[in-house]
């Protein structure tokens, strides 16, 4: 298993927490190539805290952008342009690559996250909420990835169980249900690792 892309149906769906759990479970490497927003140290710092991985397995971002907004805009505000050459996959495997926001977030005016996913060629795991609105958001994400021939490994849900919504997404989308992570309190490396082992089947 060479690795996965972790993308979300939206921002703040639990994608970083899932990516941390996945990277820790695989004993792999984590990479978020474009980080937009640095006030809390960025997602790599959160993954370092939650994954249980050594610091050397948290790879440095290609772009660390100041403003928490769409990467194309955050890059413009910082006076930089996100270039293809700096987005080449690192050689470490297994590799967990976390996208920024949803699958159609623009990296540039002419380049969306899903376009970059297609270039990387790794299978994608879609992280989706279980709350209201998730069916439409999830099915649109599936269609956007398939339109670009991005292989989809499955969907992982975050939140309280909503059996009908979870089943409907997988049935209509023709996609594998990998399981569900509940909201955890406390959330730390130990509770996350246990919840992942119990709730997710890759």
C-alpha atoms as a PDB file:
ATOM      1  CA  UNK A   1       0.000   0.000   0.000  1.00  0.00           C
ATOM      2  CA  UNK A   2       1.826   3.075  -1.245  1.00  0.00           C
ATOM      3  CA  UNK A   3      -0.461   5.630   0.334  1.00  0.00           C
ATOM      4  CA  UNK A   4      -3.639   7.673   0.157  1.00  0.00           C
ATOM      5  CA  UNK A   5      -4.914  11.152  -0.531  1.00  0.00           C
ATOM      6  CA  UNK A   6      -7.298  12.328   2.185  1.00  0.00           C
ATOM      7  CA  UNK A   7      -9.827  14.859   0.942  1.00  0.00           C
ATOM      8  CA  UNK A   8     -13.022  16.208   2.411  1.00  0.00           C
ATOM      9  CA  UNK A   9     -16.516  17.099   1.318  1.00  0.00           C
ATOM     10  CA  UNK A  10     -15.954  20.531   2.859  1.00  0.00           C
ATOM     11  CA  UNK A  11     -13.704  22.303   5.305  1.00  0.00           C
ATOM     12  CA  UNK A  12     -13.780  21.366   9.019  1.00  0.00           C
ATOM     13  CA  UNK A  13     -15.258  17.907   8.463  1.00  0.00           C
ATOM     14  CA  UNK A  14     -12.587  16.125  10.524  1.00  0.00           C
ATOM     15  CA  UNK A  15     -10.189  15.478   7.655  1.00  0.00           C
ATOM     16  CA  UNK A  16      -7.029  16.297   9.603  1.00  0.00           C
ATOM     17  CA  UNK A  17      -8.037  14.082  12.522  1.00  0.00           C
ATOM     18  CA  UNK A  18      -8.755  11.215  10.118  1.00  0.00           C
ATOM     19  CA  UNK A  19      -5.441  11.788   8.297  1.00  0.00           C
ATOM     20  CA  UNK A  20      -3.590  11.681  11.621  1.00  0.00           C
ATOM     21  CA  UNK A  21      -5.274   8.420  12.572  1.00  0.00           C
ATOM     22  CA  UNK A  22      -4.610   6.898   9.157  1.00  0.00           C
ATOM     23  CA  UNK A  23      -0.941   7.889   9.097  1.00  0.00           C
ATOM     24  CA  UNK A  24      -0.470   6.525  12.608  1.00  0.00           C
ATOM     25  CA  UNK A  25      -2.262   3.283  11.784  1.00  0.00           C
ATOM     26  CA  UNK A  26      -0.079   2.755   8.707  1.00  0.00           C
ATOM     27  CA  UNK A  27       3.105   3.789  10.527  1.00  0.00           C
ATOM     28  CA  UNK A  28       3.608   6.019   7.511  1.00  0.00           C
ATOM     29  CA  UNK A  29       4.473   9.588   6.628  1.00  0.00           C
ATOM     30  CA  UNK A  30       2.128  12.571   6.597  1.00  0.00           C
ATOM     31  CA  UNK A  31       2.319  15.444   4.107  1.00  0.00           C
ATOM     32  CA  UNK A  32       0.065  18.445   3.666  1.00  0.00           C
ATOM     33  CA  UNK A  33       1.561  20.172   0.629  1.00  0.00           C
ATOM     34  CA  UNK A  34      -0.394  23.428   0.958  1.00  0.00           C
ATOM     35  CA  UNK A  35      -1.158  24.852   4.390  1.00  0.00           C
ATOM     36  CA  UNK A  36      -3.310  27.999   4.377  1.00  0.00           C
ATOM     37  CA  UNK A  37      -3.507  29.574   7.832  1.00  0.00           C
ATOM     38  CA  UNK A  38      -0.768  29.444  10.454  1.00  0.00           C
ATOM     39  CA  UNK A  39      -2.369  30.870  13.596  1.00  0.00           C
ATOM     40  CA  UNK A  40      -2.557  27.478  15.346  1.00  0.00           C
ATOM     41  CA  UNK A  41       0.654  26.068  13.868  1.00  0.00           C
ATOM     42  CA  UNK A  42      -1.077  24.396  10.956  1.00  0.00           C
ATOM     43  CA  UNK A  43      -2.430  20.899  10.398  1.00  0.00           C
ATOM     44  CA  UNK A  44       0.995  19.246  10.475  1.00  0.00           C
ATOM     45  CA  UNK A  45       1.349  20.274  14.122  1.00  0.00           C
ATOM     46  CA  UNK A  46      -2.045  18.751  14.877  1.00  0.00           C
ATOM     47  CA  UNK A  47      -1.119  15.518  13.116  1.00  0.00           C
ATOM     48  CA  UNK A  48       2.169  15.357  15.030  1.00  0.00           C
ATOM     49  CA  UNK A  49       0.155  15.602  18.242  1.00  0.00           C
ATOM     50  CA  UNK A  50      -2.487  13.009  17.312  1.00  0.00           C
ATOM     51  CA  UNK A  51      -0.784  10.437  15.084  1.00  0.00           C
ATOM     52  CA  UNK A  52       1.806   9.011  17.453  1.00  0.00           C
ATOM     53  CA  UNK A  53       4.357   9.250  14.641  1.00  0.00           C
ATOM     54  CA  UNK A  54       7.933  10.445  15.187  1.00  0.00           C
ATOM     55  CA  UNK A  55       8.594  14.030  14.162  1.00  0.00           C
ATOM     56  CA  UNK A  56      10.619  12.845  11.165  1.00  0.00           C
ATOM     57  CA  UNK A  57       7.457  11.294   9.691  1.00  0.00           C
ATOM     58  CA  UNK A  58       5.680  14.662   9.513  1.00  0.00           C
ATOM     59  CA  UNK A  59       6.985  16.073   6.257  1.00  0.00           C
ATOM     60  CA  UNK A  60       7.330  19.836   5.729  1.00  0.00           C
ATOM     61  CA  UNK A  61       4.739  21.596   3.623  1.00  0.00           C
ATOM     62  CA  UNK A  62       5.600  22.796   0.139  1.00  0.00           C
ATOM     63  CA  UNK A  63       3.716  26.026   0.891  1.00  0.00           C
ATOM     64  CA  UNK A  64       2.981  27.600   4.275  1.00  0.00           C
ATOM     65  CA  UNK A  65       0.550  30.431   3.570  1.00  0.00           C
ATOM     66  CA  UNK A  66      -0.440  32.960   6.197  1.00  0.00           C
ATOM     67  CA  UNK A  67      -4.166  33.477   5.657  1.00  0.00           C
ATOM     68  CA  UNK A  68      -6.834  30.813   6.405  1.00  0.00           C
ATOM     69  CA  UNK A  69      -8.676  30.934   3.090  1.00  0.00           C
ATOM     70  CA  UNK A  70      -8.680  29.199  -0.285  1.00  0.00           C
ATOM     71  CA  UNK A  71      -5.072  28.351  -1.268  1.00  0.00           C
ATOM     72  CA  UNK A  72      -5.174  30.376  -4.492  1.00  0.00           C
ATOM     73  CA  UNK A  73      -6.168  33.493  -2.538  1.00  0.00           C
ATOM     74  CA  UNK A  74      -3.839  32.815   0.392  1.00  0.00           C
ATOM     75  CA  UNK A  75      -0.953  32.451  -2.072  1.00  0.00           C
ATOM     76  CA  UNK A  76      -1.864  35.720  -3.794  1.00  0.00           C
ATOM     77  CA  UNK A  77      -1.980  37.532  -0.446  1.00  0.00           C
ATOM     78  CA  UNK A  78       1.501  36.200   0.333  1.00  0.00           C
ATOM     79  CA  UNK A  79       2.766  37.225  -3.091  1.00  0.00           C
ATOM     80  CA  UNK A  80       3.504  33.670  -4.289  1.00  0.00           C
ATOM     81  CA  UNK A  81       2.091  31.319  -6.915  1.00  0.00           C
ATOM     82  CA  UNK A  82       1.572  27.623  -6.276  1.00  0.00           C
ATOM     83  CA  UNK A  83       3.734  25.862  -8.857  1.00  0.00           C
ATOM     84  CA  UNK A  84       3.478  22.261 -10.062  1.00  0.00           C
ATOM     85  CA  UNK A  85       7.142  21.472  -9.503  1.00  0.00           C
ATOM     86  CA  UNK A  86       6.917  21.953  -5.747  1.00  0.00           C
ATOM     87  CA  UNK A  87       3.914  19.611  -5.512  1.00  0.00           C
ATOM     88  CA  UNK A  88       5.741  16.456  -6.611  1.00  0.00           C
ATOM     89  CA  UNK A  89       5.069  13.606  -4.192  1.00  0.00           C
ATOM     90  CA  UNK A  90       7.809  12.926  -1.631  1.00  0.00           C
ATOM     91  CA  UNK A  91       9.397   9.467  -1.992  1.00  0.00           C
ATOM     92  CA  UNK A  92       8.452   8.170   1.485  1.00  0.00           C
ATOM     93  CA  UNK A  93       5.894   5.357   1.641  1.00  0.00           C
ATOM     94  CA  UNK A  94       3.296   4.688   2.848  1.00  0.00           C
ATOM     95  CA  UNK A  95       2.369   8.321   2.415  1.00  0.00           C
ATOM     96  CA  UNK A  96      -0.786  10.083   3.603  1.00  0.00           C
ATOM     97  CA  UNK A  97      -1.368  13.302   1.676  1.00  0.00           C
ATOM     98  CA  UNK A  98      -3.954  15.706   3.067  1.00  0.00           C
ATOM     99  CA  UNK A  99      -5.630  18.087   0.666  1.00  0.00           C
ATOM    100  CA  UNK A 100      -6.728  21.598   1.579  1.00  0.00           C
ATOM    101  CA  UNK A 101     -10.473  21.863   2.186  1.00  0.00           C
ATOM    102  CA  UNK A 102     -12.730  20.153  -0.343  1.00  0.00           C
ATOM    103  CA  UNK A 103     -11.794  18.412  -3.566  1.00  0.00           C
ATOM    104  CA  UNK A 104     -12.546  21.404  -5.810  1.00  0.00           C
ATOM    105  CA  UNK A 105     -10.621  24.009  -3.826  1.00  0.00           C
ATOM    106  CA  UNK A 106      -8.494  26.030  -6.290  1.00  0.00           C
ATOM    107  CA  UNK A 107      -4.722  25.984  -5.935  1.00  0.00           C
ATOM    108  CA  UNK A 108      -4.483  28.493  -8.798  1.00  0.00           C
ATOM    109  CA  UNK A 109      -6.970  30.105 -11.151  1.00  0.00           C
ATOM    110  CA  UNK A 110      -6.370  27.250 -13.593  1.00  0.00           C
ATOM    111  CA  UNK A 111      -5.740  24.318 -11.231  1.00  0.00           C
ATOM    112  CA  UNK A 112      -8.022  22.662  -8.673  1.00  0.00           C
ATOM    113  CA  UNK A 113      -7.063  20.278  -5.882  1.00  0.00           C
ATOM    114  CA  UNK A 114      -8.785  17.415  -7.729  1.00  0.00           C
ATOM    115  CA  UNK A 115      -6.643  18.125 -10.800  1.00  0.00           C
ATOM    116  CA  UNK A 116      -3.565  17.675  -8.630  1.00  0.00           C
ATOM    117  CA  UNK A 117      -4.991  14.487  -7.119  1.00  0.00           C
ATOM    118  CA  UNK A 118      -5.315  13.054 -10.625  1.00  0.00           C
ATOM    119  CA  UNK A 119      -1.697  13.880 -11.341  1.00  0.00           C
ATOM    120  CA  UNK A 120      -0.513  12.189  -8.148  1.00  0.00           C
ATOM    121  CA  UNK A 121      -2.423   8.999  -8.928  1.00  0.00           C
ATOM    122  CA  UNK A 122      -2.831   7.821  -5.334  1.00  0.00           C
ATOM    123  CA  UNK A 123      -6.256   6.503  -4.281  1.00  0.00           C
ATOM    124  CA  UNK A 124      -8.401   9.046  -2.463  1.00  0.00           C
ATOM    125  CA  UNK A 125     -10.319   8.595   0.763  1.00  0.00           C
ATOM    126  CA  UNK A 126     -13.243  10.998   1.100  1.00  0.00           C
ATOM    127  CA  UNK A 127     -13.935  12.209   4.631  1.00  0.00           C
ATOM    128  CA  UNK A 128     -17.566  13.233   5.134  1.00  0.00           C
ATOM    129  CA  UNK A 129     -19.738  14.481   7.943  1.00  0.00           C
ATOM    130  CA  UNK A 130     -22.765  12.474   9.004  1.00  0.00           C
ATOM    131  CA  UNK A 131     -24.779  15.648   9.622  1.00  0.00           C
ATOM    132  CA  UNK A 132     -27.429  17.264   7.416  1.00  0.00           C
ATOM    133  CA  UNK A 133     -26.251  18.068   3.879  1.00  0.00           C
ATOM    134  CA  UNK A 134     -23.698  15.299   3.685  1.00  0.00           C
ATOM    135  CA  UNK A 135     -25.470  13.291   0.964  1.00  0.00           C
ATOM    136  CA  UNK A 136     -25.293  16.035  -1.651  1.00  0.00           C
ATOM    137  CA  UNK A 137     -21.791  17.167  -0.665  1.00  0.00           C
ATOM    138  CA  UNK A 138     -20.476  13.609  -0.709  1.00  0.00           C
ATOM    139  CA  UNK A 139     -22.037  12.662  -4.045  1.00  0.00           C
ATOM    140  CA  UNK A 140     -20.733  15.857  -5.663  1.00  0.00           C
ATOM    141  CA  UNK A 141     -17.246  15.076  -4.353  1.00  0.00           C
ATOM    142  CA  UNK A 142     -17.446  11.539  -5.759  1.00  0.00           C
ATOM    143  CA  UNK A 143     -18.535  12.872  -9.162  1.00  0.00           C
ATOM    144  CA  UNK A 144     -15.804  15.511  -9.223  1.00  0.00           C
ATOM    145  CA  UNK A 145     -13.092  12.943  -8.504  1.00  0.00           C
ATOM    146  CA  UNK A 146     -14.444  10.405 -10.992  1.00  0.00           C
ATOM    147  CA  UNK A 147     -14.652  13.075 -13.691  1.00  0.00           C
ATOM    148  CA  UNK A 148     -10.863  13.403 -13.344  1.00  0.00           C
ATOM    149  CA  UNK A 149     -10.241   9.633 -13.101  1.00  0.00           C
ATOM    150  CA  UNK A 150      -9.044   9.915  -9.493  1.00  0.00           C
ATOM    151  CA  UNK A 151      -9.248   6.411  -7.962  1.00  0.00           C
ATOM    152  CA  UNK A 152     -11.490   6.433  -4.885  1.00  0.00           C
ATOM    153  CA  UNK A 153     -10.662   3.964  -2.133  1.00  0.00           C
ATOM    154  CA  UNK A 154     -13.796   4.716  -0.126  1.00  0.00           C
ATOM    155  CA  UNK A 155     -15.558   7.138   2.184  1.00  0.00           C
ATOM    156  CA  UNK A 156     -15.001   7.532   5.927  1.00  0.00           C
ATOM    157  CA  UNK A 157     -17.620   9.283   8.036  1.00  0.00           C
ATOM    158  CA  UNK A 158     -17.074  11.541  11.037  1.00  0.00           C
ATOM    159  CA  UNK A 159     -19.693  12.156  13.713  1.00  0.00           C
ATOM    160  CA  UNK A 160     -22.723  10.491  15.220  1.00  0.00           C
ATOM    161  CA  UNK A 161     -24.103   7.486  13.320  1.00  0.00           C
ATOM    162  CA  UNK A 162     -26.726   8.293  10.651  1.00  0.00           C
ATOM    163  CA  UNK A 163     -27.259   4.955   8.972  1.00  0.00           C
ATOM    164  CA  UNK A 164     -29.596   6.099   6.209  1.00  0.00           C
ATOM    165  CA  UNK A 165     -27.328   8.913   4.999  1.00  0.00           C
ATOM    166  CA  UNK A 166     -24.181   6.805   5.154  1.00  0.00           C
ATOM    167  CA  UNK A 167     -25.803   3.930   3.278  1.00  0.00           C
ATOM    168  CA  UNK A 168     -27.406   6.230   0.676  1.00  0.00           C
ATOM    169  CA  UNK A 169     -24.075   7.878  -0.166  1.00  0.00           C
ATOM    170  CA  UNK A 170     -22.384   4.533  -0.665  1.00  0.00           C
ATOM    171  CA  UNK A 171     -25.269   3.019  -2.631  1.00  0.00           C
ATOM    172  CA  UNK A 172     -25.821   5.926  -5.035  1.00  0.00           C
ATOM    173  CA  UNK A 173     -22.124   6.738  -5.274  1.00  0.00           C
ATOM    174  CA  UNK A 174     -21.116   3.113  -5.797  1.00  0.00           C
ATOM    175  CA  UNK A 175     -18.409   3.580  -3.203  1.00  0.00           C
ATOM    176  CA  UNK A 176     -16.999   1.507  -0.342  1.00  0.00           C
ATOM    177  CA  UNK A 177     -17.935   2.532   3.200  1.00  0.00           C
ATOM    178  CA  UNK A 178     -14.752   2.401   5.282  1.00  0.00           C
ATOM    179  CA  UNK A 179     -16.480   3.127   8.573  1.00  0.00           C
ATOM    180  CA  UNK A 180     -16.973   6.001  10.959  1.00  0.00           C
ATOM    181  CA  UNK A 181     -15.046   7.900  13.604  1.00  0.00           C
ATOM    182  CA  UNK A 182     -17.159   9.387  16.418  1.00  0.00           C
ATOM    183  CA  UNK A 183     -16.494  12.777  17.910  1.00  0.00           C
ATOM    184  CA  UNK A 184     -13.987  12.081  20.686  1.00  0.00           C
ATOM    185  CA  UNK A 185     -13.712  13.781  24.061  1.00  0.00           C
ATOM    186  CA  UNK A 186     -10.965  13.705  25.056  1.00  0.00           C
ATOM    187  CA  UNK A 187      -9.279  13.639  21.661  1.00  0.00           C
ATOM    188  CA  UNK A 188      -5.668  12.495  21.897  1.00  0.00           C
ATOM    189  CA  UNK A 189      -3.365  10.012  20.208  1.00  0.00           C
ATOM    190  CA  UNK A 190      -4.552   7.089  22.335  1.00  0.00           C
ATOM    191  CA  UNK A 191      -8.312   7.667  22.033  1.00  0.00           C
ATOM    192  CA  UNK A 192      -7.974   8.343  18.299  1.00  0.00           C
ATOM    193  CA  UNK A 193      -5.938   5.198  17.634  1.00  0.00           C
ATOM    194  CA  UNK A 194      -8.509   3.083  19.494  1.00  0.00           C
ATOM    195  CA  UNK A 195     -11.448   4.645  17.688  1.00  0.00           C
ATOM    196  CA  UNK A 196      -9.773   4.180  14.314  1.00  0.00           C
ATOM    197  CA  UNK A 197      -8.987   0.518  14.976  1.00  0.00           C
ATOM    198  CA  UNK A 198     -12.569  -0.111  16.108  1.00  0.00           C
ATOM    199  CA  UNK A 199     -14.411   1.994  13.538  1.00  0.00           C
ATOM    200  CA  UNK A 200     -12.436   1.966  10.281  1.00  0.00           C
ATOM    201  CA  UNK A 201     -11.716  -0.973   7.979  1.00  0.00           C
ATOM    202  CA  UNK A 202      -9.413   0.019   5.148  1.00  0.00           C
END
